[in-house]
Amino acid sequence: MIVPIDFVLLFFLLVTAIAAITLKDLFAAIVLLGAYSFIMANMWLQLGASDVAFTEAAVGAGTSTALMVAALSRLSRKARWEK
């Protein structure tokens, strides 16, 4: 385990999580959640759990992001901006 890489990944993980929560634009939040899953997959690789990393990348960064974008495309423009 390489400690500086772990701290850099943890920093980016926290930044993307906070940014995804605070954004008002739904598409940008979905993209950031996909990036969060990708960074989390890299964290699992650093920990030596390659099977969990592969699953996180496939399901979290791939499938979930695609499904959320598909659901967002079915919303009306007015519903996207309502809070």
PDB file of N, CA and C in Angstrom:
ATOM      1  N   MET A   1       0.842  -1.169   0.000  1.00  0.00           N
ATOM      2  CA  MET A   1       0.000   0.000   0.000  1.00  0.00           C
ATOM      3  C   MET A   1       0.896   1.242   0.000  1.00  0.00           C
ATOM      4  N   ILE A   2       0.611   2.151  -0.905  1.00  0.00           N
ATOM      5  CA  ILE A   2       1.395   3.382  -1.039  1.00  0.00           C
ATOM      6  C   ILE A   2       0.590   4.508  -0.393  1.00  0.00           C
ATOM      7  N   VAL A   3       1.090   5.027   0.700  1.00  0.00           N
ATOM      8  CA  VAL A   3       0.338   5.984   1.509  1.00  0.00           C
ATOM      9  C   VAL A   3       0.037   7.289   0.777  1.00  0.00           C
ATOM     10  N   PRO A   4       0.974   7.934   0.051  1.00  0.00           N
ATOM     11  CA  PRO A   4       0.616   9.189  -0.633  1.00  0.00           C
ATOM     12  C   PRO A   4      -0.500   9.013  -1.668  1.00  0.00           C
ATOM     13  N   ILE A   5      -0.496   7.894  -2.364  1.00  0.00           N
ATOM     14  CA  ILE A   5      -1.560   7.647  -3.348  1.00  0.00           C
ATOM     15  C   ILE A   5      -2.895   7.468  -2.639  1.00  0.00           C
ATOM     16  N   ASP A   6      -2.880   6.800  -1.495  1.00  0.00           N
ATOM     17  CA  ASP A   6      -4.115   6.629  -0.729  1.00  0.00           C
ATOM     18  C   ASP A   6      -4.683   7.962  -0.278  1.00  0.00           C
ATOM     19  N   PHE A   7      -3.821   8.859   0.174  1.00  0.00           N
ATOM     20  CA  PHE A   7      -4.294  10.174   0.615  1.00  0.00           C
ATOM     21  C   PHE A   7      -4.825  11.010  -0.551  1.00  0.00           C
ATOM     22  N   VAL A   8      -4.192  10.914  -1.694  1.00  0.00           N
ATOM     23  CA  VAL A   8      -4.673  11.641  -2.875  1.00  0.00           C
ATOM     24  C   VAL A   8      -6.036  11.104  -3.305  1.00  0.00           C
ATOM     25  N   LEU A   9      -6.188   9.789  -3.341  1.00  0.00           N
ATOM     26  CA  LEU A   9      -7.478   9.203  -3.703  1.00  0.00           C
ATOM     27  C   LEU A   9      -8.554   9.563  -2.692  1.00  0.00           C
ATOM     28  N   LEU A  10      -8.214   9.556  -1.419  1.00  0.00           N
ATOM     29  CA  LEU A  10      -9.167   9.930  -0.385  1.00  0.00           C
ATOM     30  C   LEU A  10      -9.583  11.395  -0.519  1.00  0.00           C
ATOM     31  N   PHE A  11      -8.628  12.259  -0.834  1.00  0.00           N
ATOM     32  CA  PHE A  11      -8.947  13.674  -1.029  1.00  0.00           C
ATOM     33  C   PHE A  11      -9.918  13.855  -2.201  1.00  0.00           C
ATOM     34  N   PHE A  12      -9.617  13.210  -3.341  1.00  0.00           N
ATOM     35  CA  PHE A  12     -10.513  13.321  -4.491  1.00  0.00           C
ATOM     36  C   PHE A  12     -11.873  12.697  -4.210  1.00  0.00           C
ATOM     37  N   LEU A  13     -11.894  11.633  -3.416  1.00  0.00           N
ATOM     38  CA  LEU A  13     -13.147  10.996  -3.043  1.00  0.00           C
ATOM     39  C   LEU A  13     -14.020  11.950  -2.229  1.00  0.00           C
ATOM     40  N   LEU A  14     -13.411  12.629  -1.280  1.00  0.00           N
ATOM     41  CA  LEU A  14     -14.163  13.590  -0.471  1.00  0.00           C
ATOM     42  C   LEU A  14     -14.640  14.789  -1.290  1.00  0.00           C
ATOM     43  N   VAL A  15     -13.785  15.283  -2.167  1.00  0.00           N
ATOM     44  CA  VAL A  15     -14.160  16.436  -2.990  1.00  0.00           C
ATOM     45  C   VAL A  15     -15.324  16.090  -3.914  1.00  0.00           C
ATOM     46  N   THR A  16     -15.281  14.941  -4.565  1.00  0.00           N
ATOM     47  CA  THR A  16     -16.372  14.568  -5.471  1.00  0.00           C
ATOM     48  C   THR A  16     -17.660  14.292  -4.707  1.00  0.00           C
ATOM     49  N   ALA A  17     -17.569  13.712  -3.523  1.00  0.00           N
ATOM     50  CA  ALA A  17     -18.770  13.447  -2.726  1.00  0.00           C
ATOM     51  C   ALA A  17     -19.432  14.749  -2.292  1.00  0.00           C
ATOM     52  N   ILE A  18     -18.648  15.684  -1.792  1.00  0.00           N
ATOM     53  CA  ILE A  18     -19.207  16.967  -1.353  1.00  0.00           C
ATOM     54  C   ILE A  18     -19.768  17.747  -2.537  1.00  0.00           C
ATOM     55  N   ALA A  19     -19.065  17.722  -3.664  1.00  0.00           N
ATOM     56  CA  ALA A  19     -19.548  18.444  -4.842  1.00  0.00           C
ATOM     57  C   ALA A  19     -20.838  17.830  -5.383  1.00  0.00           C
ATOM     58  N   ALA A  20     -20.938  16.493  -5.385  1.00  0.00           N
ATOM     59  CA  ALA A  20     -22.147  15.838  -5.894  1.00  0.00           C
ATOM     60  C   ALA A  20     -23.350  16.141  -5.010  1.00  0.00           C
ATOM     61  N   ILE A  21     -23.127  16.273  -3.721  1.00  0.00           N
ATOM     62  CA  ILE A  21     -24.233  16.564  -2.806  1.00  0.00           C
ATOM     63  C   ILE A  21     -24.696  18.007  -2.929  1.00  0.00           C
ATOM     64  N   THR A  22     -23.776  18.926  -3.146  1.00  0.00           N
ATOM     65  CA  THR A  22     -24.132  20.346  -3.133  1.00  0.00           C
ATOM     66  C   THR A  22     -24.582  20.898  -4.477  1.00  0.00           C
ATOM     67  N   LEU A  23     -24.360  20.187  -5.574  1.00  0.00           N
ATOM     68  CA  LEU A  23     -24.746  20.698  -6.886  1.00  0.00           C
ATOM     69  C   LEU A  23     -26.261  20.708  -7.063  1.00  0.00           C
ATOM     70  N   LYS A  24     -26.738  21.705  -7.777  1.00  0.00           N
ATOM     71  CA  LYS A  24     -28.163  21.776  -8.086  1.00  0.00           C
ATOM     72  C   LYS A  24     -28.483  21.178  -9.457  1.00  0.00           C
ATOM     73  N   ASP A  25     -27.507  21.143 -10.345  1.00  0.00           N
ATOM     74  CA  ASP A  25     -27.694  20.562 -11.671  1.00  0.00           C
ATOM     75  C   ASP A  25     -27.642  19.041 -11.559  1.00  0.00           C
ATOM     76  N   LEU A  26     -28.734  18.373 -11.932  1.00  0.00           N
ATOM     77  CA  LEU A  26     -28.814  16.920 -11.758  1.00  0.00           C
ATOM     78  C   LEU A  26     -27.838  16.165 -12.644  1.00  0.00           C
ATOM     79  N   PHE A  27     -27.638  16.622 -13.868  1.00  0.00           N
ATOM     80  CA  PHE A  27     -26.714  15.923 -14.761  1.00  0.00           C
ATOM     81  C   PHE A  27     -25.283  15.986 -14.228  1.00  0.00           C
ATOM     82  N   ALA A  28     -24.877  17.149 -13.737  1.00  0.00           N
ATOM     83  CA  ALA A  28     -23.528  17.281 -13.167  1.00  0.00           C
ATOM     84  C   ALA A  28     -23.378  16.412 -11.926  1.00  0.00           C
ATOM     85  N   ALA A  29     -24.433  16.309 -11.128  1.00  0.00           N
ATOM     86  CA  ALA A  29     -24.382  15.454  -9.942  1.00  0.00           C
ATOM     87  C   ALA A  29     -24.257  13.982 -10.333  1.00  0.00           C
ATOM     88  N   ILE A  30     -24.933  13.581 -11.392  1.00  0.00           N
ATOM     89  CA  ILE A  30     -24.833  12.201 -11.865  1.00  0.00           C
ATOM     90  C   ILE A  30     -23.425  11.904 -12.365  1.00  0.00           C
ATOM     91  N   VAL A  31     -22.853  12.838 -13.099  1.00  0.00           N
ATOM     92  CA  VAL A  31     -21.479  12.651 -13.595  1.00  0.00           C
ATOM     93  C   VAL A  31     -20.506  12.547 -12.428  1.00  0.00           C
ATOM     94  N   LEU A  32     -20.691  13.374 -11.416  1.00  0.00           N
ATOM     95  CA  LEU A  32     -19.806  13.316 -10.255  1.00  0.00           C
ATOM     96  C   LEU A  32     -19.992  12.029  -9.458  1.00  0.00           C
ATOM     97  N   LEU A  33     -21.205  11.509  -9.396  1.00  0.00           N
ATOM     98  CA  LEU A  33     -21.402  10.225  -8.726  1.00  0.00           C
ATOM     99  C   LEU A  33     -20.733   9.087  -9.496  1.00  0.00           C
ATOM    100  N   GLY A  34     -20.722   9.178 -10.827  1.00  0.00           N
ATOM    101  CA  GLY A  34     -19.969   8.204 -11.615  1.00  0.00           C
ATOM    102  C   GLY A  34     -18.479   8.303 -11.360  1.00  0.00           C
ATOM    103  N   ALA A  35     -17.983   9.538 -11.247  1.00  0.00           N
ATOM    104  CA  ALA A  35     -16.570   9.737 -10.929  1.00  0.00           C
ATOM    105  C   ALA A  35     -16.257   9.231  -9.530  1.00  0.00           C
ATOM    106  N   TYR A  36     -17.182   9.425  -8.596  1.00  0.00           N
ATOM    107  CA  TYR A  36     -17.009   8.917  -7.242  1.00  0.00           C
ATOM    108  C   TYR A  36     -16.854   7.397  -7.259  1.00  0.00           C
ATOM    109  N   SER A  37     -17.689   6.723  -8.025  1.00  0.00           N
ATOM    110  CA  SER A  37     -17.604   5.261  -8.112  1.00  0.00           C
ATOM    111  C   SER A  37     -16.290   4.815  -8.742  1.00  0.00           C
ATOM    112  N   PHE A  38     -15.832   5.561  -9.740  1.00  0.00           N
ATOM    113  CA  PHE A  38     -14.555   5.221 -10.376  1.00  0.00           C
ATOM    114  C   PHE A  38     -13.387   5.395  -9.406  1.00  0.00           C
ATOM    115  N   ILE A  39     -13.405   6.482  -8.639  1.00  0.00           N
ATOM    116  CA  ILE A  39     -12.349   6.698  -7.641  1.00  0.00           C
ATOM    117  C   ILE A  39     -12.422   5.624  -6.561  1.00  0.00           C
ATOM    118  N   MET A  40     -13.646   5.247  -6.182  1.00  0.00           N
ATOM    119  CA  MET A  40     -13.799   4.195  -5.176  1.00  0.00           C
ATOM    120  C   MET A  40     -13.274   2.866  -5.702  1.00  0.00           C
ATOM    121  N   ALA A  41     -13.446   2.605  -6.990  1.00  0.00           N
ATOM    122  CA  ALA A  41     -12.884   1.391  -7.581  1.00  0.00           C
ATOM    123  C   ALA A  41     -11.360   1.412  -7.504  1.00  0.00           C
ATOM    124  N   ASN A  42     -10.778   2.583  -7.720  1.00  0.00           N
ATOM    125  CA  ASN A  42      -9.322   2.697  -7.577  1.00  0.00           C
ATOM    126  C   ASN A  42      -8.878   2.498  -6.130  1.00  0.00           C
ATOM    127  N   MET A  43      -9.683   2.955  -5.184  1.00  0.00           N
ATOM    128  CA  MET A  43      -9.366   2.718  -3.774  1.00  0.00           C
ATOM    129  C   MET A  43      -9.382   1.223  -3.463  1.00  0.00           C
ATOM    130  N   TRP A  44     -10.364   0.510  -4.003  1.00  0.00           N
ATOM    131  CA  TRP A  44     -10.415  -0.937  -3.786  1.00  0.00           C
ATOM    132  C   TRP A  44      -9.206  -1.623  -4.406  1.00  0.00           C
ATOM    133  N   LEU A  45      -8.749  -1.123  -5.548  1.00  0.00           N
ATOM    134  CA  LEU A  45      -7.533  -1.690  -6.141  1.00  0.00           C
ATOM    135  C   LEU A  45      -6.318  -1.457  -5.259  1.00  0.00           C
ATOM    136  N   GLN A  46      -6.224  -0.271  -4.666  1.00  0.00           N
ATOM    137  CA  GLN A  46      -5.109   0.023  -3.767  1.00  0.00           C
ATOM    138  C   GLN A  46      -5.133  -0.882  -2.536  1.00  0.00           C
ATOM    139  N   LEU A  47      -6.328  -1.273  -2.116  1.00  0.00           N
ATOM    140  CA  LEU A  47      -6.457  -2.152  -0.957  1.00  0.00           C
ATOM    141  C   LEU A  47      -6.240  -3.620  -1.313  1.00  0.00           C
ATOM    142  N   GLY A  48      -6.130  -3.912  -2.598  1.00  0.00           N
ATOM    143  CA  GLY A  48      -5.860  -5.275  -3.034  1.00  0.00           C
ATOM    144  C   GLY A  48      -7.094  -6.114  -3.289  1.00  0.00           C
ATOM    145  N   ALA A  49      -8.248  -5.496  -3.326  1.00  0.00           N
ATOM    146  CA  ALA A  49      -9.487  -6.222  -3.572  1.00  0.00           C
ATOM    147  C   ALA A  49      -9.909  -5.990  -5.025  1.00  0.00           C
ATOM    148  N   SER A  50      -9.255  -6.691  -5.927  1.00  0.00           N
ATOM    149  CA  SER A  50      -9.506  -6.453  -7.351  1.00  0.00           C
ATOM    150  C   SER A  50     -10.890  -6.908  -7.780  1.00  0.00           C
ATOM    151  N   ASP A  51     -11.440  -7.944  -7.150  1.00  0.00           N
ATOM    152  CA  ASP A  51     -12.785  -8.381  -7.506  1.00  0.00           C
ATOM    153  C   ASP A  51     -13.833  -7.341  -7.125  1.00  0.00           C
ATOM    154  N   VAL A  52     -13.676  -6.731  -5.961  1.00  0.00           N
ATOM    155  CA  VAL A  52     -14.592  -5.678  -5.528  1.00  0.00           C
ATOM    156  C   VAL A  52     -14.416  -4.437  -6.401  1.00  0.00           C
ATOM    157  N   ALA A  53     -13.177  -4.140  -6.787  1.00  0.00           N
ATOM    158  CA  ALA A  53     -12.910  -2.987  -7.649  1.00  0.00           C
ATOM    159  C   ALA A  53     -13.560  -3.159  -9.013  1.00  0.00           C
ATOM    160  N   PHE A  54     -13.467  -4.363  -9.564  1.00  0.00           N
ATOM    161  CA  PHE A  54     -14.082  -4.621 -10.861  1.00  0.00           C
ATOM    162  C   PHE A  54     -15.600  -4.478 -10.778  1.00  0.00           C
ATOM    163  N   THR A  55     -16.191  -4.999  -9.708  1.00  0.00           N
ATOM    164  CA  THR A  55     -17.640  -4.893  -9.532  1.00  0.00           C
ATOM    165  C   THR A  55     -18.058  -3.437  -9.347  1.00  0.00           C
ATOM    166  N   GLU A  56     -17.289  -2.680  -8.573  1.00  0.00           N
ATOM    167  CA  GLU A  56     -17.601  -1.260  -8.367  1.00  0.00           C
ATOM    168  C   GLU A  56     -17.514  -0.483  -9.671  1.00  0.00           C
ATOM    169  N   ALA A  57     -16.513  -0.790 -10.473  1.00  0.00           N
ATOM    170  CA  ALA A  57     -16.370  -0.091 -11.751  1.00  0.00           C
ATOM    171  C   ALA A  57     -17.497  -0.460 -12.707  1.00  0.00           C
ATOM    172  N   ALA A  58     -17.860  -1.724 -12.750  1.00  0.00           N
ATOM    173  CA  ALA A  58     -18.898  -2.158 -13.687  1.00  0.00           C
ATOM    174  C   ALA A  58     -20.283  -1.687 -13.265  1.00  0.00           C
ATOM    175  N   VAL A  59     -20.609  -1.877 -12.005  1.00  0.00           N
ATOM    176  CA  VAL A  59     -21.953  -1.549 -11.540  1.00  0.00           C
ATOM    177  C   VAL A  59     -22.060  -0.081 -11.147  1.00  0.00           C
ATOM    178  N   GLY A  60     -21.143   0.391 -10.330  1.00  0.00           N
ATOM    179  CA  GLY A  60     -21.236   1.758  -9.814  1.00  0.00           C
ATOM    180  C   GLY A  60     -20.973   2.811 -10.857  1.00  0.00           C
ATOM    181  N   ALA A  61     -19.829   2.700 -11.533  1.00  0.00           N
ATOM    182  CA  ALA A  61     -19.459   3.734 -12.500  1.00  0.00           C
ATOM    183  C   ALA A  61     -20.125   3.522 -13.848  1.00  0.00           C
ATOM    184  N   GLY A  62     -20.442   2.303 -14.171  1.00  0.00           N
ATOM    185  CA  GLY A  62     -20.999   2.025 -15.496  1.00  0.00           C
ATOM    186  C   GLY A  62     -22.509   1.980 -15.527  1.00  0.00           C
ATOM    187  N   THR A  63     -23.065   0.934 -14.957  1.00  0.00           N
ATOM    188  CA  THR A  63     -24.499   0.678 -15.063  1.00  0.00           C
ATOM    189  C   THR A  63     -25.333   1.721 -14.329  1.00  0.00           C
ATOM    190  N   SER A  64     -24.971   2.027 -13.100  1.00  0.00           N
ATOM    191  CA  SER A  64     -25.766   2.989 -12.322  1.00  0.00           C
ATOM    192  C   SER A  64     -25.772   4.369 -12.963  1.00  0.00           C
ATOM    193  N   THR A  65     -24.622   4.798 -13.457  1.00  0.00           N
ATOM    194  CA  THR A  65     -24.553   6.100 -14.112  1.00  0.00           C
ATOM    195  C   THR A  65     -25.404   6.119 -15.375  1.00  0.00           C
ATOM    196  N   ALA A  66     -25.340   5.066 -16.151  1.00  0.00           N
ATOM    197  CA  ALA A  66     -26.154   4.993 -17.368  1.00  0.00           C
ATOM    198  C   ALA A  66     -27.640   4.986 -17.038  1.00  0.00           C
ATOM    199  N   LEU A  67     -28.044   4.262 -16.003  1.00  0.00           N
ATOM    200  CA  LEU A  67     -29.457   4.234 -15.625  1.00  0.00           C
ATOM    201  C   LEU A  67     -29.934   5.584 -15.093  1.00  0.00           C
ATOM    202  N   MET A  68     -29.088   6.274 -14.340  1.00  0.00           N
ATOM    203  CA  MET A  68     -29.479   7.590 -13.830  1.00  0.00           C
ATOM    204  C   MET A  68     -29.595   8.615 -14.965  1.00  0.00           C
ATOM    205  N   VAL A  69     -28.703   8.545 -15.951  1.00  0.00           N
ATOM    206  CA  VAL A  69     -28.797   9.451 -17.095  1.00  0.00           C
ATOM    207  C   VAL A  69     -30.054   9.140 -17.903  1.00  0.00           C
ATOM    208  N   ALA A  70     -30.383   7.856 -18.054  1.00  0.00           N
ATOM    209  CA  ALA A  70     -31.604   7.481 -18.766  1.00  0.00           C
ATOM    210  C   ALA A  70     -32.842   7.973 -18.027  1.00  0.00           C
ATOM    211  N   ALA A  71     -32.840   7.859 -16.705  1.00  0.00           N
ATOM    212  CA  ALA A  71     -33.975   8.358 -15.923  1.00  0.00           C
ATOM    213  C   ALA A  71     -34.074   9.875 -16.009  1.00  0.00           C
ATOM    214  N   LEU A  72     -32.940  10.551 -16.014  1.00  0.00           N
ATOM    215  CA  LEU A  72     -32.939  12.008 -16.129  1.00  0.00           C
ATOM    216  C   LEU A  72     -33.467  12.460 -17.485  1.00  0.00           C
ATOM    217  N   SER A  73     -33.172  11.698 -18.519  1.00  0.00           N
ATOM    218  CA  SER A  73     -33.646  12.078 -19.852  1.00  0.00           C
ATOM    219  C   SER A  73     -35.160  11.940 -19.977  1.00  0.00           C
ATOM    220  N   ARG A  74     -35.773  11.135 -19.121  1.00  0.00           N
ATOM    221  CA  ARG A  74     -37.223  10.963 -19.177  1.00  0.00           C
ATOM    222  C   ARG A  74     -37.971  12.037 -18.385  1.00  0.00           C
ATOM    223  N   LEU A  75     -37.251  12.831 -17.607  1.00  0.00           N
ATOM    224  CA  LEU A  75     -37.882  13.920 -16.861  1.00  0.00           C
ATOM    225  C   LEU A  75     -38.160  15.096 -17.783  1.00  0.00           C
ATOM    226  N   SER A  76     -39.190  15.837 -17.475  1.00  0.00           N
ATOM    227  CA  SER A  76     -39.449  17.048 -18.235  1.00  0.00           C
ATOM    228  C   SER A  76     -38.457  18.118 -17.808  1.00  0.00           C
ATOM    229  N   ARG A  77     -38.294  19.131 -18.650  1.00  0.00           N
ATOM    230  CA  ARG A  77     -37.338  20.200 -18.340  1.00  0.00           C
ATOM    231  C   ARG A  77     -37.754  20.929 -17.062  1.00  0.00           C
ATOM    232  N   LYS A  78     -39.058  21.093 -16.848  1.00  0.00           N
ATOM    233  CA  LYS A  78     -39.534  21.782 -15.663  1.00  0.00           C
ATOM    234  C   LYS A  78     -39.227  20.967 -14.406  1.00  0.00           C
ATOM    235  N   ALA A  79     -39.372  19.666 -14.464  1.00  0.00           N
ATOM    236  CA  ALA A  79     -39.132  18.814 -13.291  1.00  0.00           C
ATOM    237  C   ALA A  79     -37.652  18.782 -12.934  1.00  0.00           C
ATOM    238  N   ARG A  80     -36.770  18.976 -13.897  1.00  0.00           N
ATOM    239  CA  ARG A  80     -35.337  18.963 -13.622  1.00  0.00           C
ATOM    240  C   ARG A  80     -34.904  20.137 -12.768  1.00  0.00           C
ATOM    241  N   TRP A  81     -35.579  21.262 -12.878  1.00  0.00           N
ATOM    242  CA  TRP A  81     -35.144  22.476 -12.179  1.00  0.00           C
ATOM    243  C   TRP A  81     -35.918  22.739 -10.908  1.00  0.00           C
ATOM    244  N   GLU A  82     -36.962  21.962 -10.640  1.00  0.00           N
ATOM    245  CA  GLU A  82     -37.712  22.165  -9.396  1.00  0.00           C
ATOM    246  C   GLU A  82     -36.925  21.617  -8.232  1.00  0.00           C
ATOM    247  N   LYS A  83     -37.021  22.267  -7.126  1.00  0.00           N
ATOM    248  CA  LYS A  83     -36.290  21.807  -5.941  1.00  0.00           C
ATOM    249  C   LYS A  83     -37.272  21.421  -4.875  1.00  0.00           C
TER     250      LYS A  83
END
